[in-house]
C-alpha atoms as a PDB file:
ATOM      1  CA  MET A   1      13.674  83.242 119.686  1.00  0.00           C
ATOM      2  CA  ASP A   2      16.328  84.665 117.380  1.00  0.00           C
ATOM      3  CA  ILE A   3      18.277  85.932 120.423  1.00  0.00           C
ATOM      4  CA  PHE A   4      18.199  82.451 121.940  1.00  0.00           C
ATOM      5  CA  VAL A   5      19.446  80.844 118.715  1.00  0.00           C
ATOM      6  CA  GLN A   6      22.144  83.500 118.373  1.00  0.00           C
ATOM      7  CA  GLN A   7      23.442  82.829 121.864  1.00  0.00           C
ATOM      8  CA  ILE A   8      23.420  79.069 121.250  1.00  0.00           C
ATOM      9  CA  LEU A   9      25.502  79.564 118.104  1.00  0.00           C
ATOM     10  CA  ASN A  10      27.884  81.890 119.947  1.00  0.00           C
ATOM     11  CA  GLY A  11      28.123  79.339 122.734  1.00  0.00           C
ATOM     12  CA  LEU A  12      28.982  76.523 120.330  1.00  0.00           C
ATOM     13  CA  VAL A  13      31.840  78.541 118.861  1.00  0.00           C
ATOM     14  CA  LEU A  14      33.147  79.615 122.253  1.00  0.00           C
ATOM     15  CA  GLY A  15      32.587  76.195 123.799  1.00  0.00           C
ATOM     16  CA  SER A  16      34.457  74.420 121.005  1.00  0.00           C
ATOM     17  CA  ILE A  17      37.506  76.590 121.697  1.00  0.00           C
ATOM     18  CA  TYR A  18      37.200  76.007 125.457  1.00  0.00           C
ATOM     19  CA  ALA A  19      36.996  72.261 124.840  1.00  0.00           C
ATOM     20  CA  LEU A  20      40.104  72.259 122.646  1.00  0.00           C
ATOM     21  CA  ILE A  21      42.101  74.104 125.306  1.00  0.00           C
ATOM     22  CA  ALA A  22      40.606  72.001 128.116  1.00  0.00           C
ATOM     23  CA  LEU A  23      42.004  68.879 126.459  1.00  0.00           C
ATOM     24  CA  GLY A  24      45.495  70.201 127.170  1.00  0.00           C
ATOM     25  CA  TYR A  25      44.689  70.584 130.859  1.00  0.00           C
ATOM     26  CA  THR A  26      42.983  67.235 131.196  1.00  0.00           C
ATOM     27  CA  MET A  27      45.690  65.290 129.323  1.00  0.00           C
ATOM     28  CA  VAL A  28      48.430  66.571 131.617  1.00  0.00           C
ATOM     29  CA  TYR A  29      46.311  65.978 134.707  1.00  0.00           C
ATOM     30  CA  GLY A  30      45.417  62.486 133.579  1.00  0.00           C
ATOM     31  CA  ILE A  31      49.093  61.584 133.149  1.00  0.00           C
ATOM     32  CA  MET A  32      50.747  63.501 135.994  1.00  0.00           C
ATOM     33  CA  GLY A  33      48.006  64.646 138.347  1.00  0.00           C
ATOM     34  CA  LEU A  34      49.199  68.218 137.654  1.00  0.00           C
ATOM     35  CA  ILE A  35      47.234  71.325 136.673  1.00  0.00           C
ATOM     36  CA  ASN A  36      49.404  73.124 134.123  1.00  0.00           C
ATOM     37  CA  PHE A  37      48.258  76.709 134.640  1.00  0.00           C
ATOM     38  CA  ALA A  38      50.836  77.860 132.078  1.00  0.00           C
ATOM     39  CA  HIS A  39      48.819  76.186 129.298  1.00  0.00           C
ATOM     40  CA  GLY A  40      46.842  79.378 128.693  1.00  0.00           C
ATOM     41  CA  GLU A  41      50.083  81.197 127.904  1.00  0.00           C
ATOM     42  CA  VAL A  42      50.960  78.515 125.339  1.00  0.00           C
ATOM     43  CA  VAL A  43      47.624  79.341 123.682  1.00  0.00           C
ATOM     44  CA  MET A  44      48.570  83.016 123.723  1.00  0.00           C
ATOM     45  CA  PHE A  45      51.977  82.309 122.174  1.00  0.00           C
ATOM     46  CA  GLY A  46      50.277  80.386 119.368  1.00  0.00           C
ATOM     47  CA  ALA A  47      48.152  83.416 118.507  1.00  0.00           C
ATOM     48  CA  MET A  48      51.058  85.851 118.754  1.00  0.00           C
ATOM     49  CA  VAL A  49      53.415  83.778 116.607  1.00  0.00           C
ATOM     50  CA  THR A  50      50.731  83.328 113.945  1.00  0.00           C
ATOM     51  CA  ILE A  51      50.044  87.065 113.736  1.00  0.00           C
ATOM     52  CA  THR A  52      53.781  87.777 113.598  1.00  0.00           C
ATOM     53  CA  VAL A  53      54.340  85.340 110.720  1.00  0.00           C
ATOM     54  CA  ILE A  54      51.367  86.656 108.730  1.00  0.00           C
ATOM     55  CA  SER A  55      52.507  90.251 109.267  1.00  0.00           C
ATOM     56  CA  ALA A  56      56.026  89.320 108.164  1.00  0.00           C
ATOM     57  CA  MET A  57      54.715  87.723 104.970  1.00  0.00           C
ATOM     58  CA  THR A  58      52.549  90.766 104.258  1.00  0.00           C
ATOM     59  CA  ASN A  59      55.447  93.165 104.820  1.00  0.00           C
ATOM     60  CA  ALA A  60      57.613  91.041 102.524  1.00  0.00           C
ATOM     61  CA  GLY A  61      55.074  91.462  99.732  1.00  0.00           C
ATOM     62  CA  ILE A  62      53.792  87.877  99.886  1.00  0.00           C
ATOM     63  CA  HIS A  63      50.092  87.973  99.028  1.00  0.00           C
ATOM     64  CA  LEU A  64      48.275  84.629  99.145  1.00  0.00           C
ATOM     65  CA  PRO A  65      44.677  83.672  99.939  1.00  0.00           C
ATOM     66  CA  GLY A  66      43.902  84.320 103.603  1.00  0.00           C
ATOM     67  CA  GLY A  67      43.445  80.653 104.456  1.00  0.00           C
ATOM     68  CA  ALA A  68      46.799  79.780 102.911  1.00  0.00           C
ATOM     69  CA  MET A  69      48.577  82.490 104.893  1.00  0.00           C
ATOM     70  CA  VAL A  70      47.011  81.290 108.152  1.00  0.00           C
ATOM     71  CA  LEU A  71      47.966  77.712 107.327  1.00  0.00           C
ATOM     72  CA  ILE A  72      51.580  78.701 106.665  1.00  0.00           C
ATOM     73  CA  ALA A  73      51.655  80.682 109.918  1.00  0.00           C
ATOM     74  CA  LEU A  74      50.235  77.666 111.758  1.00  0.00           C
ATOM     75  CA  MET A  75      53.049  75.539 110.352  1.00  0.00           C
ATOM     76  CA  VAL A  76      55.359  77.817 112.330  1.00  0.00           C
ATOM     77  CA  ALA A  77      53.190  78.392 115.405  1.00  0.00           C
ATOM     78  CA  ILE A  78      52.381  74.739 116.109  1.00  0.00           C
ATOM     79  CA  PRO A  79      56.029  73.537 116.233  1.00  0.00           C
ATOM     80  CA  ALA A  80      56.963  76.650 118.226  1.00  0.00           C
ATOM     81  CA  CYS A  81      54.284  75.914 120.840  1.00  0.00           C
ATOM     82  CA  MET A  82      55.199  72.227 120.872  1.00  0.00           C
ATOM     83  CA  LEU A  83      58.789  73.184 121.599  1.00  0.00           C
ATOM     84  CA  LEU A  84      57.567  75.564 124.302  1.00  0.00           C
ATOM     85  CA  GLY A  85      55.457  72.803 125.872  1.00  0.00           C
ATOM     86  CA  PHE A  86      58.366  70.362 125.760  1.00  0.00           C
ATOM     87  CA  THR A  87      60.666  72.944 127.389  1.00  0.00           C
ATOM     88  CA  ILE A  88      58.101  73.697 130.103  1.00  0.00           C
ATOM     89  CA  GLU A  89      57.834  70.026 131.025  1.00  0.00           C
ATOM     90  CA  ARG A  90      61.554  69.338 130.807  1.00  0.00           C
ATOM     91  CA  VAL A  91      62.785  72.410 132.694  1.00  0.00           C
ATOM     92  CA  ALA A  92      59.982  73.333 135.094  1.00  0.00           C
ATOM     93  CA  TYR A  93      58.013  70.178 135.896  1.00  0.00           C
ATOM     94  CA  ARG A  94      60.245  67.143 135.489  1.00  0.00           C
ATOM     95  CA  PRO A  95      62.598  68.102 138.356  1.00  0.00           C
ATOM     96  CA  LEU A  96      59.509  68.415 140.602  1.00  0.00           C
ATOM     97  CA  ARG A  97      57.823  65.161 139.587  1.00  0.00           C
ATOM     98  CA  ASN A  98      58.343  63.553 142.995  1.00  0.00           C
ATOM     99  CA  ALA A  99      58.008  66.788 144.976  1.00  0.00           C
ATOM    100  CA  PRO A 100      54.971  67.612 147.141  1.00  0.00           C
ATOM    101  CA  LYS A 101      51.926  68.557 145.063  1.00  0.00           C
ATOM    102  CA  LEU A 102      52.089  72.196 146.134  1.00  0.00           C
ATOM    103  CA  ALA A 103      55.521  72.714 144.525  1.00  0.00           C
ATOM    104  CA  PRO A 104      54.542  72.088 140.866  1.00  0.00           C
ATOM    105  CA  LEU A 105      51.299  74.032 141.394  1.00  0.00           C
ATOM    106  CA  ILE A 106      53.196  77.114 142.540  1.00  0.00           C
ATOM    107  CA  THR A 107      55.680  76.576 139.720  1.00  0.00           C
ATOM    108  CA  ALA A 108      52.838  76.494 137.178  1.00  0.00           C
ATOM    109  CA  ILE A 109      51.447  79.815 138.410  1.00  0.00           C
ATOM    110  CA  GLY A 110      54.902  81.390 138.426  1.00  0.00           C
ATOM    111  CA  LEU A 111      55.629  80.054 134.955  1.00  0.00           C
ATOM    112  CA  SER A 112      52.394  81.587 133.698  1.00  0.00           C
ATOM    113  CA  ILE A 113      53.506  85.004 134.938  1.00  0.00           C
ATOM    114  CA  VAL A 114      56.996  84.558 133.458  1.00  0.00           C
ATOM    115  CA  LEU A 115      55.582  83.698 130.027  1.00  0.00           C
ATOM    116  CA  GLN A 116      53.315  86.752 130.148  1.00  0.00           C
ATOM    117  CA  GLN A 117      56.319  88.972 130.838  1.00  0.00           C
ATOM    118  CA  VAL A 118      58.270  87.340 128.002  1.00  0.00           C
ATOM    119  CA  ALA A 119      55.330  88.100 125.689  1.00  0.00           C
ATOM    120  CA  ILE A 120      55.381  91.723 126.836  1.00  0.00           C
ATOM    121  CA  LEU A 121      59.099  91.981 125.987  1.00  0.00           C
ATOM    122  CA  ILE A 122      58.498  90.540 122.509  1.00  0.00           C
ATOM    123  CA  TRP A 123      55.123  91.984 121.478  1.00  0.00           C
ATOM    124  CA  GLY A 124      54.415  94.770 123.976  1.00  0.00           C
ATOM    125  CA  ARG A 125      51.398  95.463 126.162  1.00  0.00           C
ATOM    126  CA  ASN A 126      48.971  96.677 123.486  1.00  0.00           C
ATOM    127  CA  TYR A 127      46.367  94.638 121.671  1.00  0.00           C
ATOM    128  CA  ILE A 128      47.673  93.296 118.365  1.00  0.00           C
ATOM    129  CA  PRO A 129      45.074  93.228 115.554  1.00  0.00           C
ATOM    130  CA  PHE A 130      44.768  90.093 113.455  1.00  0.00           C
ATOM    131  CA  PRO A 131      45.532  90.960 109.800  1.00  0.00           C
ATOM    132  CA  PRO A 132      42.281  91.383 107.812  1.00  0.00           C
ATOM    133  CA  ILE A 133      42.858  88.465 105.450  1.00  0.00           C
ATOM    134  CA  LEU A 134      39.968  86.130 106.289  1.00  0.00           C
ATOM    135  CA  ASN A 135      36.381  85.975 105.064  1.00  0.00           C
ATOM    136  CA  HIS A 136      33.813  87.092 107.639  1.00  0.00           C
ATOM    137  CA  ASP A 137      30.707  86.613 105.484  1.00  0.00           C
ATOM    138  CA  THR A 138      27.701  85.554 107.537  1.00  0.00           C
ATOM    139  CA  ILE A 139      25.205  82.721 107.305  1.00  0.00           C
ATOM    140  CA  ASP A 140      21.610  83.158 108.502  1.00  0.00           C
ATOM    141  CA  ILE A 141      20.208  80.377 110.708  1.00  0.00           C
ATOM    142  CA  PHE A 142      16.645  80.818 112.068  1.00  0.00           C
ATOM    143  CA  GLY A 143      17.087  84.586 112.259  1.00  0.00           C
ATOM    144  CA  ALA A 144      20.539  84.384 113.847  1.00  0.00           C
ATOM    145  CA  THR A 145      23.877  84.831 112.106  1.00  0.00           C
ATOM    146  CA  ILE A 146      27.176  82.995 112.224  1.00  0.00           C
ATOM    147  CA  THR A 147      30.232  83.733 110.118  1.00  0.00           C
ATOM    148  CA  GLN A 148      31.781  81.216 107.770  1.00  0.00           C
ATOM    149  CA  LEU A 149      34.948  81.501 109.836  1.00  0.00           C
ATOM    150  CA  GLN A 150      33.083  80.517 113.008  1.00  0.00           C
ATOM    151  CA  VAL A 151      31.574  77.494 111.267  1.00  0.00           C
ATOM    152  CA  LEU A 152      35.091  76.480 110.228  1.00  0.00           C
ATOM    153  CA  ILE A 153      36.294  76.939 113.824  1.00  0.00           C
ATOM    154  CA  VAL A 154      33.596  74.595 115.180  1.00  0.00           C
ATOM    155  CA  ILE A 155      34.235  71.961 112.508  1.00  0.00           C
ATOM    156  CA  LEU A 156      38.015  72.089 112.960  1.00  0.00           C
ATOM    157  CA  CYS A 157      37.681  71.843 116.741  1.00  0.00           C
ATOM    158  CA  LEU A 158      35.455  68.778 116.436  1.00  0.00           C
ATOM    159  CA  VAL A 159      37.854  67.131 113.970  1.00  0.00           C
ATOM    160  CA  LEU A 160      40.882  67.777 116.193  1.00  0.00           C
ATOM    161  CA  MET A 161      39.091  66.540 119.303  1.00  0.00           C
ATOM    162  CA  ALA A 162      37.914  63.386 117.522  1.00  0.00           C
ATOM    163  CA  GLY A 163      41.442  62.836 116.210  1.00  0.00           C
ATOM    164  CA  LEU A 164      42.916  63.119 119.689  1.00  0.00           C
ATOM    165  CA  LEU A 165      40.384  60.664 121.107  1.00  0.00           C
ATOM    166  CA  LEU A 166      41.267  58.187 118.347  1.00  0.00           C
ATOM    167  CA  VAL A 167      44.979  58.581 119.079  1.00  0.00           C
ATOM    168  CA  VAL A 168      44.464  57.952 122.786  1.00  0.00           C
ATOM    169  CA  GLU A 169      42.104  55.013 122.338  1.00  0.00           C
ATOM    170  CA  LYS A 170      43.419  53.258 119.223  1.00  0.00           C
ATOM    171  CA  THR A 171      47.193  53.786 118.922  1.00  0.00           C
ATOM    172  CA  LYS A 172      50.261  52.364 120.631  1.00  0.00           C
ATOM    173  CA  LEU A 173      51.099  55.841 121.940  1.00  0.00           C
ATOM    174  CA  GLY A 174      47.602  56.124 123.366  1.00  0.00           C
ATOM    175  CA  ARG A 175      47.885  52.787 125.142  1.00  0.00           C
ATOM    176  CA  ALA A 176      51.202  53.887 126.631  1.00  0.00           C
ATOM    177  CA  MET A 177      49.592  57.145 127.775  1.00  0.00           C
ATOM    178  CA  ARG A 178      46.707  55.302 129.417  1.00  0.00           C
ATOM    179  CA  ALA A 179      49.093  52.874 131.092  1.00  0.00           C
ATOM    180  CA  THR A 180      51.208  55.746 132.424  1.00  0.00           C
ATOM    181  CA  SER A 181      48.064  57.460 133.663  1.00  0.00           C
ATOM    182  CA  GLN A 182      46.965  54.379 135.608  1.00  0.00           C
ATOM    183  CA  ASN A 183      50.339  53.606 137.190  1.00  0.00           C
ATOM    184  CA  PRO A 184      53.625  55.115 135.926  1.00  0.00           C
ATOM    185  CA  GLY A 185      55.742  52.708 137.964  1.00  0.00           C
ATOM    186  CA  VAL A 186      54.149  49.573 136.529  1.00  0.00           C
ATOM    187  CA  ALA A 187      54.109  51.130 133.041  1.00  0.00           C
ATOM    188  CA  GLY A 188      57.850  51.667 133.323  1.00  0.00           C
ATOM    189  CA  LEU A 189      58.382  48.046 134.322  1.00  0.00           C
ATOM    190  CA  MET A 190      56.408  46.976 131.239  1.00  0.00           C
ATOM    191  CA  GLY A 191      58.792  48.858 128.935  1.00  0.00           C
ATOM    192  CA  VAL A 192      57.022  52.209 128.654  1.00  0.00           C
ATOM    193  CA  ASN A 193      59.380  55.197 128.697  1.00  0.00           C
ATOM    194  CA  VAL A 194      57.451  57.353 131.152  1.00  0.00           C
ATOM    195  CA  ASN A 195      59.536  60.487 130.500  1.00  0.00           C
ATOM    196  CA  THR A 196      58.883  60.222 126.772  1.00  0.00           C
ATOM    197  CA  ILE A 197      55.152  59.744 127.294  1.00  0.00           C
ATOM    198  CA  VAL A 198      54.908  62.730 129.628  1.00  0.00           C
ATOM    199  CA  SER A 199      56.833  64.899 127.158  1.00  0.00           C
ATOM    200  CA  ALA A 200      54.615  63.678 124.311  1.00  0.00           C
ATOM    201  CA  THR A 201      51.539  64.626 126.326  1.00  0.00           C
ATOM    202  CA  PHE A 202      52.806  68.166 126.822  1.00  0.00           C
ATOM    203  CA  VAL A 203      53.782  68.422 123.160  1.00  0.00           C
ATOM    204  CA  MET A 204      50.380  67.233 121.896  1.00  0.00           C
ATOM    205  CA  GLY A 205      48.491  69.516 124.274  1.00  0.00           C
ATOM    206  CA  SER A 206      50.645  72.483 123.274  1.00  0.00           C
ATOM    207  CA  GLY A 207      50.027  71.811 119.579  1.00  0.00           C
ATOM    208  CA  LEU A 208      46.280  71.860 120.172  1.00  0.00           C
ATOM    209  CA  GLY A 209      46.748  75.013 122.246  1.00  0.00           C
ATOM    210  CA  ALA A 210      48.482  76.737 119.328  1.00  0.00           C
ATOM    211  CA  VAL A 211      45.531  75.994 117.064  1.00  0.00           C
ATOM    212  CA  ALA A 212      43.104  77.203 119.746  1.00  0.00           C
ATOM    213  CA  GLY A 213      45.070  80.439 120.117  1.00  0.00           C
ATOM    214  CA  VAL A 214      44.738  81.144 116.400  1.00  0.00           C
ATOM    215  CA  MET A 215      41.006  80.438 116.623  1.00  0.00           C
ATOM    216  CA  VAL A 216      40.616  82.931 119.463  1.00  0.00           C
ATOM    217  CA  ALA A 217      42.623  85.580 117.596  1.00  0.00           C
ATOM    218  CA  THR A 218      40.666  85.126 114.354  1.00  0.00           C
ATOM    219  CA  ASN A 219      37.310  85.074 116.136  1.00  0.00           C
ATOM    220  CA  TYR A 220      38.002  88.318 118.030  1.00  0.00           C
ATOM    221  CA  ASP A 221      40.367  89.826 115.410  1.00  0.00           C
ATOM    222  CA  GLN A 222      43.036  90.560 118.014  1.00  0.00           C
ATOM    223  CA  ALA A 223      45.487  89.066 120.471  1.00  0.00           C
ATOM    224  CA  HIS A 224      47.017  90.258 123.731  1.00  0.00           C
ATOM    225  CA  TYR A 225      49.713  89.079 126.111  1.00  0.00           C
ATOM    226  CA  TYR A 226      47.080  88.534 128.842  1.00  0.00           C
ATOM    227  CA  MET A 227      44.551  86.693 126.649  1.00  0.00           C
ATOM    228  CA  GLY A 228      45.703  83.237 127.719  1.00  0.00           C
ATOM    229  CA  PHE A 229      45.138  83.779 131.426  1.00  0.00           C
ATOM    230  CA  MET A 230      41.364  84.227 131.422  1.00  0.00           C
ATOM    231  CA  ILE A 231      40.609  81.785 128.629  1.00  0.00           C
ATOM    232  CA  GLY A 232      42.928  79.302 130.330  1.00  0.00           C
ATOM    233  CA  LEU A 233      40.992  79.588 133.585  1.00  0.00           C
ATOM    234  CA  LYS A 234      37.725  79.057 131.734  1.00  0.00           C
ATOM    235  CA  ALA A 235      39.114  76.033 129.915  1.00  0.00           C
ATOM    236  CA  PHE A 236      40.259  74.658 133.263  1.00  0.00           C
ATOM    237  CA  THR A 237      36.717  75.230 134.544  1.00  0.00           C
ATOM    238  CA  ALA A 238      35.427  73.301 131.533  1.00  0.00           C
ATOM    239  CA  ALA A 239      37.791  70.428 132.326  1.00  0.00           C
ATOM    240  CA  VAL A 240      36.571  70.343 135.943  1.00  0.00           C
ATOM    241  CA  LEU A 241      32.947  70.568 134.794  1.00  0.00           C
ATOM    242  CA  GLY A 242      33.313  67.556 132.515  1.00  0.00           C
ATOM    243  CA  GLY A 243      35.610  65.620 134.837  1.00  0.00           C
ATOM    244  CA  ILE A 244      39.294  66.462 135.057  1.00  0.00           C
ATOM    245  CA  GLY A 245      41.432  63.772 133.435  1.00  0.00           C
ATOM    246  CA  ASN A 246      38.507  62.627 131.267  1.00  0.00           C
ATOM    247  CA  LEU A 247      38.967  63.538 127.577  1.00  0.00           C
ATOM    248  CA  GLY A 248      35.297  63.126 126.723  1.00  0.00           C
ATOM    249  CA  GLY A 249      34.426  65.143 129.799  1.00  0.00           C
ATOM    250  CA  ALA A 250      36.688  67.996 128.678  1.00  0.00           C
ATOM    251  CA  VAL A 251      34.873  68.170 125.343  1.00  0.00           C
ATOM    252  CA  ALA A 252      31.415  68.041 126.933  1.00  0.00           C
ATOM    253  CA  GLY A 253      32.384  70.500 129.662  1.00  0.00           C
ATOM    254  CA  GLY A 254      33.855  72.986 127.198  1.00  0.00           C
ATOM    255  CA  ILE A 255      30.826  73.046 124.918  1.00  0.00           C
ATOM    256  CA  LEU A 256      28.406  73.189 127.859  1.00  0.00           C
ATOM    257  CA  LEU A 257      30.339  76.011 129.524  1.00  0.00           C
ATOM    258  CA  GLY A 258      30.429  78.010 126.296  1.00  0.00           C
ATOM    259  CA  ILE A 259      26.657  77.713 125.899  1.00  0.00           C
ATOM    260  CA  ILE A 260      26.010  78.614 129.559  1.00  0.00           C
ATOM    261  CA  GLU A 261      28.269  81.648 129.307  1.00  0.00           C
ATOM    262  CA  SER A 262      26.717  82.872 126.061  1.00  0.00           C
ATOM    263  CA  LEU A 263      23.155  82.419 127.316  1.00  0.00           C
ATOM    264  CA  GLY A 264      24.109  84.227 130.498  1.00  0.00           C
ATOM    265  CA  ALA A 265      25.612  87.114 128.548  1.00  0.00           C
ATOM    266  CA  GLY A 266      22.488  87.365 126.428  1.00  0.00           C
ATOM    267  CA  TYR A 267      19.969  87.350 129.270  1.00  0.00           C
ATOM    268  CA  ILE A 268      21.814  88.705 132.307  1.00  0.00           C
ATOM    269  CA  GLY A 269      20.551  92.222 131.591  1.00  0.00           C
ATOM    270  CA  ASP A 270      16.917  91.091 131.625  1.00  0.00           C
ATOM    271  CA  LEU A 271      17.419  88.888 134.677  1.00  0.00           C
ATOM    272  CA  THR A 272      18.972  91.716 136.721  1.00  0.00           C
ATOM    273  CA  GLY A 273      16.776  94.529 135.431  1.00  0.00           C
ATOM    274  CA  GLY A 274      19.691  96.123 133.614  1.00  0.00           C
ATOM    275  CA  PHE A 275      21.924  96.175 136.699  1.00  0.00           C
ATOM    276  CA  LEU A 276      24.460  93.836 135.067  1.00  0.00           C
ATOM    277  CA  GLY A 277      25.434  93.804 131.386  1.00  0.00           C
ATOM    278  CA  SER A 278      26.907  91.246 129.034  1.00  0.00           C
ATOM    279  CA  ASN A 279      30.405  92.299 130.121  1.00  0.00           C
ATOM    280  CA  TYR A 280      29.733  90.330 133.332  1.00  0.00           C
ATOM    281  CA  GLN A 281      29.541  87.022 131.470  1.00  0.00           C
ATOM    282  CA  ASP A 282      32.638  85.741 133.295  1.00  0.00           C
ATOM    283  CA  ILE A 283      30.452  85.428 136.400  1.00  0.00           C
ATOM    284  CA  PHE A 284      28.757  82.383 134.924  1.00  0.00           C
ATOM    285  CA  ALA A 285      31.947  80.454 134.199  1.00  0.00           C
ATOM    286  CA  PHE A 286      33.216  80.716 137.737  1.00  0.00           C
ATOM    287  CA  ALA A 287      29.770  80.296 139.291  1.00  0.00           C
ATOM    288  CA  VAL A 288      29.604  76.978 137.431  1.00  0.00           C
ATOM    289  CA  LEU A 289      33.042  76.054 138.816  1.00  0.00           C
ATOM    290  CA  ILE A 290      31.912  76.760 142.388  1.00  0.00           C
ATOM    291  CA  VAL A 291      28.659  74.814 141.982  1.00  0.00           C
ATOM    292  CA  VAL A 292      30.431  71.808 140.441  1.00  0.00           C
ATOM    293  CA  LEU A 293      33.085  71.736 143.156  1.00  0.00           C
ATOM    294  CA  ILE A 294      30.394  71.845 145.848  1.00  0.00           C
ATOM    295  CA  PHE A 295      27.874  69.362 144.486  1.00  0.00           C
ATOM    296  CA  ARG A 296      29.838  67.144 142.072  1.00  0.00           C
ATOM    297  CA  PRO A 297      33.597  67.622 142.453  1.00  0.00           C
ATOM    298  CA  SER A 298      34.281  64.636 140.161  1.00  0.00           C
ATOM    299  CA  GLY A 299      32.600  66.419 137.236  1.00  0.00           C
ATOM    300  CA  LEU A 300      29.689  65.444 135.012  1.00  0.00           C
ATOM    301  CA  LEU A 301      31.347  62.402 133.441  1.00  0.00           C
ATOM    302  CA  GLY A 302      33.590  61.491 136.343  1.00  0.00           C
ATOM    303  CA  GLU A 303      37.186  62.260 137.228  1.00  0.00           C
ATOM    304  CA  LYS A 304      40.054  59.994 136.252  1.00  0.00           C
ATOM    305  CA  ILE A 305      42.873  60.020 138.790  1.00  0.00           C
ATOM    306  CA  ALA A 306      46.116  58.193 138.204  1.00  0.00           C
ATOM    307  CA  ASP A 307      47.093  55.656 140.840  1.00  0.00           C
ATOM    308  CA  ARG A 308      50.562  56.604 142.014  1.00  0.00           C
ATOM    309  CA  ALA A 309      50.818  54.328 145.012  1.00  0.00           C
END
């Protein structure tokens, strides 16, 4: 029983991060009908910039509480990733907005590779440890353990996701985003600046990605130039599972995928008689993607596709 509870807790932490990243994918798809495969690299840049800022403060003799140092680093990482997201949209995607769908898809994959190589030039190919400044004390829950940091990650993810949903549903910007999603041409005729809304969508998604990158780095105590690729694919899987273009679906899909993956990692050894170990947990994420695409391609909560006729 304690193993089951432990895997559920691990899945909630992992799923919350997947959901936060999946929101970036689903927002862009909902507005543009585009899968931004470079979003995972924005997440990676958020983690790398945060570690760099914290290391710089430490080397400069600035010693503050760990939470304060992370917060200061985030104040740098979030604007940096927002600027990166804005640049990606303005330089790479906007010129291809009316191009055939295959063109921006190929561009997204190429941009992902370019950003990985830029990260290699800046930070190198080796894993970069997260500075040991945070509290990793554990809390016992029904025989399982979860760190205080992981509890904070889950709570912060839920707050950010709820905040984004409120922005989209209750604000003037959100109404403009929903109008652009439904029909950009008509939205433009009604006074909505479509270019501004698209840029704002990329900027908001990139800001959330920066926070998610820091969460991944603090949870695993390290970052790597390739970290965004795999976690980006899993977040995309979560978005498809919940219903691509559906914000609520991205949240549900992310949490569900995290739990499925963690349960799979915990029990795959028993199910296969020891043939496969927990290091094969990625199998479950992509098996879920295949099953969803075959039996319910619109996702659990339904896909939202913009009408661009």
